[in-house]
Amino acid sequence: MGDIPKKILEKYLQLNANQTDFGIVKDALYKIEQEKKMRKHAGEKLDEILKSWSAESLSSENAEDEIFEELDDNFAEYVYTFEDILDETEQEEINEGFPTETKAFLKRHGESIGLATLTPKQFALGYAMAFLNRMGWNEEHFYGIPNGGKEGEVLGVDIAILRQYWPATHGSQSKIMQFSEKYVWCAIHDMLGYLADRLTFYRDSDNGKPKEWLLDYSQILDIPNPVQELVGYSLEQIRQNTGWFLPSELSPSLTDCQNDELETVKRWIRNAPLPEMKWWIESKLSEMTAVAEDLKGEWVCLYNFTALTESKTMSDSLLWINSFVIKDEDFEYFRNDCEEKSEYLFDIFKDMPGSKHSSPKTDTYMNPSALSWMQWIEDEYEKFSVYTLHGREIKQYIINKCLSQVTYSSVEETEFTYDLPSKFMCSLLNISNGDGWRYRDNENQVNAFFSIAGTAYRNNQTLLYANKDKLNSKLKQSGYKMFWSIRLMREPSIKIKDKYDRFHFQKDLIWLAYYDQEQLIQVPVEEHLYQ
């Protein structure tokens, strides 16, 4: 049954408290407790096996061959040169929080150069500098004797590059690298592979999951893909050349709201009519051709973010639509929860604005063109469980997210977040390739598209939509139904907030929406007026 929310469990116990057979309640509590113990025991057992395996490797006769190779003749020299040597107590204090296998790894490398152990910083600096030396970098030729252009200056090639091209900061790669920077980036990748072959992998975001051996290097490396660069347009060009999808009024003007005076702004935020959501979720025939000429047919929303400012009151309307998929046999539970206004279900959608999407299990950067064919890359946080009461029984159903997000950094652009179909949705739609803007199947049919329009942080729109015929066919064939969460927020624009000394007045509405007999049902989840 998993970690059943307290609200659901309390209600369940209340419903069953008057039963003559108290075994129903006891049995439920016993099962919950046993499952928790089993999960904990399984995690501990796996951890034991990994630690045991590591310990055996370290103590075996061939340990030198299995987990340790001589890095470089100069490794020791650079450890001593570039990091003050700490005494043994200080080193152990720095390493105290690391797992046993990591401490053993650092100890073995320290002993190899005559130290009791190494700190991670000592290991990394020694590794990087030894790698630079092996690549042929030296101070005489690459650094020289710079003195600000005065007589006797000897200019090394790295200093010449530095004076001509401004370096990147905050750990980013420079567009024009010095040789030393290029070699350090190579050293980082080399070192990551060295560590991945010898230590189990764990990230802070794993939230207590067991450590595991790294099988996919995309989790620690940014792997560029030239396909993304072949698009040939800057993001700004794409915004300017892409049309808007505005099927109904999102920020309508009102006859009694014709200026940006304080009371007028408040009146507009309170009274502006709501858009017809059905047409935002499903486009009419050929309506998307306004966005781009190739988008013929009908489309269904996977994700929509639209921000528009009403021209008279200068007030903003912000619309978010997210999509989810649920099994046919579980849809009854979801619909009942909506009809009964389940506090637990509603709380999930009130509290999850930042987690309505999954994330590819990769390094910080990955481009969407690679993800569309790298089928082995898993999606993290792609589904979540909901618990409900059905009669006197606790039921659990699974909700799959249709949206994934990935951050990409090209040579020409700064960081940019792409919205793309989740792995679940890519599989459902048979998506096998894409360039970040159009996602196609093996027959080269566009089954989903991503677009951006307007000006970032002002009037702008982000769309991710799927082909309606293909999506509905696949949902029916696979036994799934779709639903959406909708959020509409209306508030003064930044200009009005500044004009009235950070004036704050906001209307925030959240719905869940699903189809029943061709009719879109909208279930209010929350409505707040913040003054």
Protein backbone atom coordinates (compact mmCIF):
# COMPACT_ATOMS: atom_id res chain seq x y z
CA MET A 1 0.00 0.00 0.00
CA GLY A 2 2.97 2.30 0.40
CA ASP A 3 3.05 5.50 2.45
CA ILE A 4 -0.67 6.18 2.81
CA PRO A 5 -1.40 9.84 3.64
CA LYS A 6 -2.54 10.47 7.18
CA LYS A 7 -5.82 12.07 6.02
CA ILE A 8 -6.82 8.98 4.04
CA LEU A 9 -5.79 6.58 6.80
CA GLU A 10 -7.69 8.50 9.49
CA LYS A 11 -10.86 8.53 7.39
CA TYR A 12 -10.44 4.83 6.64
CA LEU A 13 -10.17 4.02 10.36
CA GLN A 14 -13.24 6.14 11.12
CA LEU A 15 -15.28 4.30 8.49
CA ASN A 16 -14.23 0.90 9.81
CA ALA A 17 -14.18 1.67 13.56
CA ASN A 18 -17.76 0.42 14.08
CA GLN A 19 -17.22 -2.90 12.33
CA THR A 20 -17.75 -5.93 14.55
CA ASP A 21 -14.67 -7.44 12.88
CA PHE A 22 -11.86 -5.19 14.07
CA GLY A 23 -9.49 -7.43 12.13
CA ILE A 24 -10.12 -5.30 9.02
CA VAL A 25 -8.46 -2.30 10.66
CA LYS A 26 -5.71 -4.33 12.32
CA ASP A 27 -4.94 -6.10 9.06
CA ALA A 28 -4.62 -2.81 7.17
CA LEU A 29 -2.29 -1.33 9.78
CA TYR A 30 -0.23 -4.53 9.91
CA LYS A 31 0.18 -4.62 6.11
CA ILE A 32 1.27 -0.96 6.02
CA GLU A 33 3.84 -1.53 8.75
CA GLN A 34 5.16 -4.73 7.14
CA GLU A 35 5.59 -3.06 3.75
CA LYS A 36 7.55 -0.22 5.35
CA LYS A 37 9.82 -2.71 7.11
CA MET A 38 10.33 -4.71 3.92
CA ARG A 39 11.28 -1.62 1.92
CA LYS A 40 13.71 -0.53 4.61
CA HIS A 41 15.22 -4.02 4.88
CA ALA A 42 15.63 -4.24 1.11
CA GLY A 43 17.48 -0.93 1.05
CA GLU A 44 19.75 -1.96 3.91
CA LYS A 45 20.45 -5.33 2.27
CA LEU A 46 21.46 -3.72 -1.03
CA ASP A 47 23.72 -1.27 0.80
CA GLU A 48 25.35 -4.17 2.65
CA ILE A 49 26.00 -6.05 -0.59
CA LEU A 50 27.60 -3.00 -2.23
CA LYS A 51 29.77 -2.26 0.80
CA SER A 52 30.79 -5.91 1.03
CA TRP A 53 31.64 -5.98 -2.67
CA SER A 54 33.75 -2.83 -2.34
CA ALA A 55 35.52 -4.15 0.76
CA GLU A 56 36.34 -7.44 -0.95
CA SER A 57 37.74 -5.59 -3.95
CA LEU A 58 39.92 -3.42 -1.74
CA SER A 59 41.31 -6.37 0.20
CA SER A 60 41.79 -8.76 -2.71
CA GLU A 61 45.23 -9.68 -4.01
CA ASN A 62 44.51 -7.94 -7.31
CA ALA A 63 43.12 -4.77 -5.72
CA GLU A 64 45.76 -2.63 -7.44
CA ASP A 65 44.59 -3.84 -10.85
CA GLU A 66 40.87 -3.75 -10.01
CA ILE A 67 40.36 -0.32 -8.51
CA PHE A 68 43.64 1.57 -8.71
CA GLU A 69 45.88 2.54 -11.58
CA GLU A 70 48.90 4.81 -11.45
CA LEU A 71 47.48 8.12 -12.64
CA ASP A 72 50.68 9.83 -13.67
CA ASP A 73 54.28 10.04 -12.53
CA ASN A 74 53.61 13.66 -11.59
CA PHE A 75 50.35 13.04 -9.66
CA ALA A 76 52.10 13.25 -6.28
CA GLU A 77 54.04 16.35 -7.30
CA TYR A 78 50.87 18.22 -8.20
CA VAL A 79 49.03 17.15 -5.05
CA TYR A 80 51.89 18.57 -3.00
CA THR A 81 52.28 21.68 -5.17
CA PHE A 82 48.72 22.85 -5.56
CA GLU A 83 47.21 22.02 -2.18
CA ASP A 84 48.66 22.67 1.26
CA ILE A 85 49.23 19.29 2.86
CA LEU A 86 46.93 18.87 5.84
CA ASP A 87 47.84 16.73 8.79
CA GLU A 88 46.14 13.34 9.06
CA THR A 89 43.54 14.51 11.58
CA GLU A 90 42.44 17.44 9.37
CA GLN A 91 42.16 15.17 6.32
CA GLU A 92 40.07 12.62 8.18
CA GLU A 93 37.75 15.37 9.47
CA ILE A 94 37.17 16.63 5.90
CA ASN A 95 36.43 13.07 4.71
CA GLU A 96 34.26 12.14 7.70
CA GLY A 97 30.90 12.52 5.97
CA PHE A 98 31.76 10.29 2.99
CA PRO A 99 30.72 6.63 2.61
CA THR A 100 33.17 3.91 3.62
CA GLU A 101 34.00 3.01 0.01
CA THR A 102 34.87 6.65 -0.81
CA LYS A 103 37.13 7.00 2.21
CA ALA A 104 38.85 3.74 1.28
CA PHE A 105 39.35 5.00 -2.29
CA LEU A 106 40.92 8.28 -1.08
CA LYS A 107 43.07 6.45 1.47
CA ARG A 108 44.51 4.07 -1.14
CA HIS A 109 45.40 6.95 -3.47
CA GLY A 110 46.94 8.88 -0.59
CA GLU A 111 49.08 5.95 0.50
CA SER A 112 50.34 5.55 -3.07
CA ILE A 113 52.15 8.92 -2.78
CA GLY A 114 53.19 8.64 0.85
CA LEU A 115 50.21 10.32 2.57
CA ALA A 116 47.76 8.80 5.05
CA THR A 117 44.85 9.80 2.78
CA LEU A 118 43.71 12.51 0.34
CA THR A 119 40.89 15.02 0.42
CA PRO A 120 38.65 15.17 -2.69
CA LYS A 121 40.15 18.55 -3.54
CA GLN A 122 43.68 17.17 -3.39
CA PHE A 123 42.70 14.26 -5.60
CA ALA A 124 40.95 16.48 -8.18
CA LEU A 125 43.73 19.09 -8.37
CA GLY A 126 46.42 16.44 -8.64
CA TYR A 127 44.48 14.61 -11.34
CA ALA A 128 43.82 17.77 -13.39
CA MET A 129 47.37 19.10 -13.23
CA ALA A 130 48.91 15.72 -14.04
CA PHE A 131 46.58 15.51 -17.06
CA LEU A 132 47.66 18.98 -18.25
CA ASN A 133 51.28 17.93 -17.98
CA ARG A 134 50.62 14.75 -19.95
CA MET A 135 48.97 16.81 -22.73
CA GLY A 136 52.13 18.90 -23.02
CA TRP A 137 51.05 22.05 -21.21
CA ASN A 138 53.85 23.94 -19.50
CA GLU A 139 54.24 27.38 -17.98
CA GLU A 140 57.10 28.49 -20.21
CA HIS A 141 55.33 28.15 -23.56
CA PHE A 142 51.65 28.59 -22.61
CA TYR A 143 51.91 31.22 -19.86
CA GLY A 144 55.20 32.96 -20.66
CA ILE A 145 56.32 36.08 -18.81
CA PRO A 146 53.46 38.59 -19.07
CA ASN A 147 54.11 42.05 -17.65
CA GLY A 148 51.35 44.20 -19.11
CA GLY A 149 53.04 44.84 -22.45
CA LYS A 150 56.22 46.38 -21.05
CA GLU A 151 59.70 45.77 -22.41
CA GLY A 152 60.92 42.21 -22.07
CA GLU A 153 57.45 40.67 -22.07
CA VAL A 154 57.27 37.11 -23.33
CA LEU A 155 53.67 36.29 -24.23
CA GLY A 156 52.55 32.68 -23.86
CA VAL A 157 49.74 31.43 -26.10
CA ASP A 158 47.20 31.13 -23.22
CA ILE A 159 47.81 34.72 -22.12
CA ALA A 160 47.48 35.86 -25.75
CA ILE A 161 44.08 34.15 -25.98
CA LEU A 162 43.02 35.58 -22.61
CA ARG A 163 43.79 39.13 -23.73
CA GLN A 164 41.86 38.70 -26.97
CA TYR A 165 38.79 36.75 -25.77
CA TRP A 166 36.88 37.27 -22.54
CA PRO A 167 36.62 34.01 -20.53
CA ALA A 168 33.36 32.56 -19.23
CA THR A 169 32.62 32.63 -15.50
CA HIS A 170 30.81 30.52 -12.89
CA GLY A 171 32.14 27.23 -14.24
CA SER A 172 30.84 27.67 -17.80
CA GLN A 173 32.94 26.82 -20.84
CA SER A 174 34.52 29.80 -22.59
CA LYS A 175 33.53 30.25 -26.23
CA ILE A 176 37.23 30.61 -27.10
CA MET A 177 39.23 28.47 -24.67
CA GLN A 178 42.78 28.76 -23.51
CA PHE A 179 44.72 25.51 -23.91
CA SER A 180 44.77 25.06 -20.15
CA GLU A 181 40.98 25.35 -19.94
CA LYS A 182 40.50 22.88 -22.80
CA TYR A 183 42.78 20.34 -21.13
CA VAL A 184 41.06 20.79 -17.75
CA TRP A 185 37.65 20.06 -19.37
CA CYS A 186 39.20 16.91 -20.90
CA ALA A 187 40.65 16.03 -17.49
CA ILE A 188 37.23 16.38 -15.84
CA HIS A 189 35.66 13.92 -18.28
CA ASP A 190 38.58 11.52 -17.93
CA MET A 191 38.35 11.72 -14.13
CA LEU A 192 34.57 11.18 -14.13
CA GLY A 193 35.03 7.96 -16.09
CA TYR A 194 37.82 6.87 -13.73
CA LEU A 195 35.62 7.46 -10.68
CA ALA A 196 32.50 5.89 -12.22
CA ASP A 197 34.39 2.62 -12.74
CA ARG A 198 35.42 2.50 -9.09
CA LEU A 199 32.72 4.14 -6.94
CA THR A 200 28.95 3.80 -6.79
CA PHE A 201 26.94 6.81 -7.96
CA TYR A 202 24.63 8.91 -5.80
CA ARG A 203 23.16 12.41 -6.17
CA ASP A 204 21.62 14.70 -3.56
CA SER A 205 18.36 14.59 -5.55
CA ASP A 206 18.11 10.80 -5.12
CA ASN A 207 16.46 11.42 -1.73
CA GLY A 208 17.60 8.28 0.05
CA LYS A 209 17.56 5.87 -2.91
CA PRO A 210 20.29 3.20 -2.78
CA LYS A 211 23.59 4.02 -4.48
CA GLU A 212 24.11 2.29 -7.81
CA TRP A 213 26.83 1.63 -10.35
CA LEU A 214 26.74 4.13 -13.17
CA LEU A 215 25.70 2.49 -16.44
CA ASP A 216 24.79 5.60 -18.45
CA TYR A 217 27.46 8.29 -18.70
CA SER A 218 24.89 10.87 -19.83
CA GLN A 219 24.04 11.19 -16.12
CA ILE A 220 27.38 12.88 -15.48
CA LEU A 221 28.35 14.28 -18.90
CA ASP A 222 26.88 16.89 -21.21
CA ILE A 223 26.92 15.10 -24.57
CA PRO A 224 26.61 17.61 -27.45
CA ASN A 225 24.63 16.63 -30.53
CA PRO A 226 25.34 18.51 -33.79
CA VAL A 227 21.71 18.01 -34.93
CA GLN A 228 20.57 20.67 -32.45
CA GLU A 229 23.00 23.20 -33.93
CA LEU A 230 21.82 22.48 -37.50
CA VAL A 231 18.47 24.16 -36.79
CA GLY A 232 20.30 27.34 -37.72
CA TYR A 233 18.08 29.87 -35.94
CA SER A 234 18.58 31.75 -32.71
CA LEU A 235 15.87 31.55 -30.08
CA GLU A 236 15.05 35.19 -30.72
CA GLN A 237 14.52 34.48 -34.42
CA ILE A 238 12.23 31.57 -33.56
CA ARG A 239 10.15 33.76 -31.23
CA GLN A 240 9.77 36.44 -33.90
CA ASN A 241 8.84 33.97 -36.66
CA THR A 242 6.32 31.93 -34.62
CA GLY A 243 2.65 32.87 -34.39
CA TRP A 244 0.34 32.74 -31.37
CA PHE A 245 -2.38 30.27 -30.48
CA LEU A 246 -5.23 32.37 -29.01
CA PRO A 247 -8.48 30.41 -29.45
CA SER A 248 -10.46 32.62 -27.05
CA GLU A 249 -9.97 35.85 -25.10
CA LEU A 250 -7.44 35.43 -22.30
CA SER A 251 -7.08 39.11 -21.34
CA PRO A 252 -10.29 40.80 -22.55
CA SER A 253 -10.83 44.55 -22.23
CA LEU A 254 -13.89 45.75 -20.24
CA THR A 255 -15.93 48.88 -20.95
CA ASP A 256 -15.68 50.01 -17.31
CA CYS A 257 -11.90 49.37 -17.13
CA GLN A 258 -10.30 51.89 -19.48
CA ASN A 259 -7.30 53.12 -17.47
CA ASP A 260 -4.64 51.86 -15.06
CA GLU A 261 -5.91 53.61 -11.92
CA LEU A 262 -5.70 51.52 -8.78
CA GLU A 263 -9.42 50.77 -8.38
CA THR A 264 -9.80 50.04 -12.10
CA VAL A 265 -7.00 47.48 -11.99
CA LYS A 266 -8.64 45.78 -9.01
CA ARG A 267 -12.01 45.74 -10.78
CA TRP A 268 -10.54 44.15 -13.91
CA ILE A 269 -8.72 41.45 -11.93
CA ARG A 270 -11.93 40.64 -10.01
CA ASN A 271 -14.38 40.72 -12.93
CA ALA A 272 -12.62 39.90 -16.22
CA PRO A 273 -14.45 36.89 -17.75
CA LEU A 274 -12.73 33.52 -17.92
CA PRO A 275 -11.62 32.04 -21.25
CA GLU A 276 -13.36 28.99 -22.75
CA MET A 277 -10.86 26.32 -21.71
CA LYS A 278 -12.09 23.64 -24.11
CA TRP A 279 -10.56 25.47 -27.07
CA TRP A 280 -7.23 25.90 -25.30
CA ILE A 281 -7.07 22.17 -24.60
CA GLU A 282 -8.13 21.02 -28.08
CA SER A 283 -7.56 23.16 -31.16
CA LYS A 284 -10.11 23.48 -33.93
CA LEU A 285 -9.25 22.24 -37.42
CA SER A 286 -6.27 24.10 -38.94
CA GLU A 287 -6.25 26.65 -36.09
CA MET A 288 -2.60 25.87 -35.31
CA THR A 289 -1.54 27.03 -38.77
CA ALA A 290 -1.46 30.52 -37.21
CA VAL A 291 1.46 29.23 -35.12
CA ALA A 292 3.23 27.60 -38.08
CA GLU A 293 2.00 26.66 -41.55
CA ASP A 294 3.00 22.99 -41.24
CA LEU A 295 0.73 22.42 -38.20
CA LYS A 296 -2.38 21.32 -40.05
CA GLY A 297 -5.06 19.23 -38.37
CA GLU A 298 -6.25 19.19 -34.75
CA TRP A 299 -4.00 19.22 -31.71
CA VAL A 300 -4.32 18.37 -28.00
CA CYS A 301 -2.53 20.26 -25.23
CA LEU A 302 0.33 18.56 -23.43
CA TYR A 303 1.53 21.89 -22.00
CA ASN A 304 0.60 25.53 -22.47
CA PHE A 305 1.99 28.62 -20.80
CA THR A 306 0.61 31.94 -22.03
CA ALA A 307 1.21 35.38 -20.53
CA LEU A 308 -0.73 38.39 -21.87
CA THR A 309 -1.12 41.96 -20.63
CA GLU A 310 -4.49 43.74 -20.96
CA SER A 311 -3.70 47.02 -22.72
CA LYS A 312 -5.86 49.47 -20.69
CA THR A 313 -5.33 48.36 -17.09
CA MET A 314 -1.87 46.89 -17.78
CA SER A 315 -2.85 43.76 -15.82
CA ASP A 316 -1.45 40.31 -16.60
CA SER A 317 -3.21 37.03 -17.29
CA LEU A 318 -1.00 33.97 -16.78
CA LEU A 319 -2.31 30.60 -17.95
CA TRP A 320 -0.76 27.18 -17.29
CA ILE A 321 -2.19 23.91 -18.63
CA ASN A 322 -0.53 20.59 -17.78
CA SER A 323 -1.58 17.14 -18.94
CA PHE A 324 -1.67 13.72 -17.26
CA VAL A 325 -2.63 10.17 -18.17
CA ILE A 326 -4.35 7.54 -16.06
CA LYS A 327 -5.37 3.92 -16.68
CA ASP A 328 -8.98 3.33 -17.77
CA GLU A 329 -9.69 1.08 -14.78
CA ASP A 330 -8.44 3.77 -12.36
CA PHE A 331 -10.30 6.66 -13.96
CA GLU A 332 -13.42 5.94 -11.89
CA TYR A 333 -11.43 6.54 -8.69
CA PHE A 334 -10.05 9.82 -10.05
CA ARG A 335 -13.49 11.01 -11.22
CA ASN A 336 -15.05 10.14 -7.84
CA ASP A 337 -12.30 12.07 -6.08
CA CYS A 338 -13.07 15.08 -8.28
CA GLU A 339 -16.83 14.83 -7.69
CA GLU A 340 -16.36 14.41 -3.94
CA LYS A 341 -13.75 17.21 -3.85
CA SER A 342 -11.12 14.96 -2.30
CA GLU A 343 -8.97 17.13 -0.06
CA TYR A 344 -5.98 14.85 -0.61
CA LEU A 345 -6.21 14.94 -4.43
CA PHE A 346 -6.79 18.70 -4.48
CA ASP A 347 -3.82 19.31 -2.17
CA ILE A 348 -1.55 17.49 -4.62
CA PHE A 349 -2.47 19.84 -7.46
CA LYS A 350 -2.32 22.93 -5.27
CA ASP A 351 1.16 22.09 -4.06
CA MET A 352 2.89 20.74 -7.17
CA PRO A 353 3.43 23.77 -9.48
CA GLY A 354 7.11 22.94 -9.85
CA SER A 355 6.74 19.19 -10.28
CA LYS A 356 4.13 18.79 -13.02
CA HIS A 357 6.89 17.57 -15.33
CA SER A 358 9.41 14.75 -15.32
CA SER A 359 13.15 15.19 -15.98
CA PRO A 360 15.49 13.00 -18.02
CA LYS A 361 17.97 11.19 -15.80
CA THR A 362 20.99 12.94 -17.29
CA ASP A 363 23.59 15.56 -16.46
CA THR A 364 22.59 19.23 -16.10
CA TYR A 365 22.53 19.76 -19.85
CA MET A 366 21.09 17.55 -22.57
CA ASN A 367 19.57 18.45 -25.90
CA PRO A 368 16.10 17.25 -26.89
CA SER A 369 17.21 15.97 -30.29
CA ALA A 370 19.35 13.37 -28.52
CA LEU A 371 16.66 12.43 -26.02
CA SER A 372 14.12 11.59 -28.70
CA TRP A 373 16.20 8.60 -29.86
CA MET A 374 18.15 7.75 -26.71
CA GLN A 375 15.44 5.39 -25.50
CA TRP A 376 17.56 4.00 -22.68
CA ILE A 377 17.57 7.31 -20.76
CA GLU A 378 15.00 7.10 -17.98
CA ASP A 379 12.65 9.85 -16.87
CA GLU A 380 12.72 10.79 -13.19
CA TYR A 381 9.55 11.79 -11.34
CA GLU A 382 7.43 10.69 -14.34
CA LYS A 383 4.58 9.37 -12.23
CA PHE A 384 3.05 9.67 -8.78
CA SER A 385 0.56 7.78 -6.64
CA VAL A 386 -2.82 8.96 -5.39
CA TYR A 387 -4.68 7.23 -2.56
CA THR A 388 -8.43 7.29 -2.24
CA LEU A 389 -11.26 5.67 -0.32
CA HIS A 390 -13.55 3.47 -2.38
CA GLY A 391 -16.36 2.39 -0.09
CA ARG A 392 -14.53 1.15 2.99
CA GLU A 393 -11.33 0.24 1.11
CA ILE A 394 -8.18 2.22 0.42
CA LYS A 395 -7.28 2.25 -3.27
CA GLN A 396 -4.16 3.50 -5.00
CA TYR A 397 -3.94 4.75 -8.58
CA ILE A 398 -0.98 5.93 -10.64
CA ILE A 399 -0.87 9.20 -12.61
CA ASN A 400 1.65 9.62 -15.45
CA LYS A 401 2.99 13.03 -16.45
CA CYS A 402 2.91 13.94 -20.15
CA LEU A 403 5.50 16.72 -19.93
CA SER A 404 9.26 16.52 -19.49
CA GLN A 405 11.77 19.36 -19.31
CA VAL A 406 15.45 19.52 -20.18
CA THR A 407 17.97 22.36 -20.03
CA TYR A 408 20.17 22.86 -23.08
CA SER A 409 23.13 25.16 -23.63
CA SER A 410 24.35 25.67 -27.19
CA VAL A 411 27.52 27.37 -28.36
CA GLU A 412 25.61 30.48 -29.46
CA GLU A 413 22.88 30.70 -26.81
CA THR A 414 22.60 30.94 -23.09
CA GLU A 415 20.77 28.21 -21.17
CA PHE A 416 17.30 27.38 -22.48
CA THR A 417 14.66 24.98 -21.16
CA TYR A 418 12.89 22.80 -23.71
CA ASP A 419 9.46 21.34 -22.97
CA LEU A 420 9.14 17.94 -24.61
CA PRO A 421 6.86 14.90 -24.38
CA SER A 422 7.72 12.72 -21.37
CA LYS A 423 9.26 9.33 -22.03
CA PHE A 424 5.85 7.79 -21.36
CA MET A 425 4.28 10.06 -23.98
CA CYS A 426 7.10 9.54 -26.50
CA SER A 427 6.55 5.80 -26.21
CA LEU A 428 2.78 6.17 -26.57
CA LEU A 429 3.13 8.33 -29.71
CA ASN A 430 5.95 6.20 -31.19
CA ILE A 431 8.25 9.24 -31.29
CA SER A 432 11.66 8.18 -32.57
CA ASN A 433 13.34 11.45 -33.56
CA GLY A 434 13.02 15.20 -33.18
CA ASP A 435 14.96 18.45 -33.24
CA GLY A 436 13.41 20.06 -30.16
CA TRP A 437 10.61 21.69 -32.20
CA ARG A 438 9.01 18.82 -34.14
CA TYR A 439 8.77 15.23 -32.86
CA ARG A 440 8.25 12.52 -35.47
CA ASP A 441 7.58 8.79 -35.65
CA ASN A 442 9.33 6.27 -37.92
CA GLU A 443 7.04 7.29 -40.79
CA ASN A 444 8.23 10.89 -40.43
CA GLN A 445 4.81 12.09 -39.23
CA VAL A 446 4.82 15.01 -36.77
CA ASN A 447 3.11 13.63 -33.66
CA ALA A 448 4.03 16.51 -31.32
CA PHE A 449 5.47 20.01 -31.60
CA PHE A 450 7.05 22.60 -29.31
CA SER A 451 6.96 26.33 -29.98
CA ILE A 452 7.79 29.65 -28.36
CA ALA A 453 6.41 33.07 -29.32
CA GLY A 454 6.51 36.65 -28.07
CA THR A 455 9.13 38.21 -25.81
CA ALA A 456 10.62 36.30 -22.90
CA TYR A 457 9.31 37.51 -19.51
CA ARG A 458 6.70 39.75 -21.20
CA ASN A 459 3.86 38.78 -23.52
CA ASN A 460 4.96 35.28 -24.44
CA GLN A 461 3.72 31.78 -25.14
CA THR A 462 5.14 28.27 -24.84
CA LEU A 463 3.23 25.38 -26.44
CA LEU A 464 3.64 21.61 -26.45
CA TYR A 465 0.79 19.91 -28.33
CA ALA A 466 0.21 16.41 -29.72
CA ASN A 467 -1.62 15.30 -32.86
CA LYS A 468 -5.22 14.68 -31.74
CA ASP A 469 -6.02 11.69 -33.97
CA LYS A 470 -2.78 9.89 -33.15
CA LEU A 471 -3.00 10.64 -29.43
CA ASN A 472 -6.64 9.58 -29.01
CA SER A 473 -6.05 6.41 -31.02
CA LYS A 474 -3.04 5.43 -28.92
CA LEU A 475 -4.77 6.27 -25.62
CA LYS A 476 -7.74 4.07 -26.53
CA GLN A 477 -5.51 1.27 -27.81
CA SER A 478 -3.37 1.30 -24.64
CA GLY A 479 -6.26 1.66 -22.19
CA TYR A 480 -5.58 5.18 -20.88
CA LYS A 481 -7.52 8.39 -20.35
CA MET A 482 -6.18 11.93 -20.22
CA PHE A 483 -6.91 14.84 -17.90
CA TRP A 484 -5.50 18.33 -17.34
CA SER A 485 -4.70 20.73 -14.54
CA ILE A 486 -5.40 24.38 -15.36
CA ARG A 487 -4.20 27.43 -13.48
CA LEU A 488 -5.19 31.02 -14.35
CA MET A 489 -3.64 33.86 -12.40
CA ARG A 490 -4.48 37.51 -12.87
CA GLU A 491 -2.37 40.26 -11.30
CA PRO A 492 -0.98 43.75 -11.95
CA SER A 493 1.96 43.88 -14.35
CA ILE A 494 5.41 44.83 -13.06
CA LYS A 495 4.82 48.32 -14.43
CA ILE A 496 1.68 48.75 -12.29
CA LYS A 497 3.32 47.22 -9.21
CA ASP A 498 6.13 49.75 -9.49
CA LYS A 499 3.74 52.63 -10.18
CA TYR A 500 1.79 51.93 -6.99
CA ASP A 501 4.75 51.11 -4.78
CA ARG A 502 4.75 47.31 -5.27
CA PHE A 503 0.96 47.10 -5.13
CA HIS A 504 -0.16 43.48 -4.87
CA PHE A 505 -3.62 42.24 -5.82
CA GLN A 506 -4.01 38.77 -7.30
CA LYS A 507 -6.72 36.34 -8.34
CA ASP A 508 -5.59 32.72 -8.58
CA LEU A 509 -7.78 29.86 -9.87
CA ILE A 510 -7.00 26.15 -10.28
CA TRP A 511 -9.14 23.47 -11.98
CA LEU A 512 -8.90 19.83 -12.91
CA ALA A 513 -10.47 19.02 -16.29
CA TYR A 514 -11.44 15.79 -18.04
CA TYR A 515 -13.80 14.62 -20.78
CA ASP A 516 -17.04 12.80 -20.05
CA GLN A 517 -19.25 11.92 -23.04
CA GLU A 518 -17.51 14.51 -25.27
CA GLN A 519 -18.10 17.23 -22.67
CA LEU A 520 -15.20 18.90 -20.89
CA ILE A 521 -15.83 18.79 -17.13
CA GLN A 522 -14.00 21.47 -15.14
CA VAL A 523 -13.69 20.85 -11.42
CA PRO A 524 -12.72 23.91 -9.31
CA VAL A 525 -9.82 23.05 -7.01
CA GLU A 526 -9.01 26.44 -5.56
CA GLU A 527 -9.96 30.11 -5.95
CA HIS A 528 -8.15 32.81 -4.03
CA LEU A 529 -8.23 36.57 -4.10
CA TYR A 530 -5.05 37.96 -2.51
CA GLN A 531 -5.32 41.61 -1.46
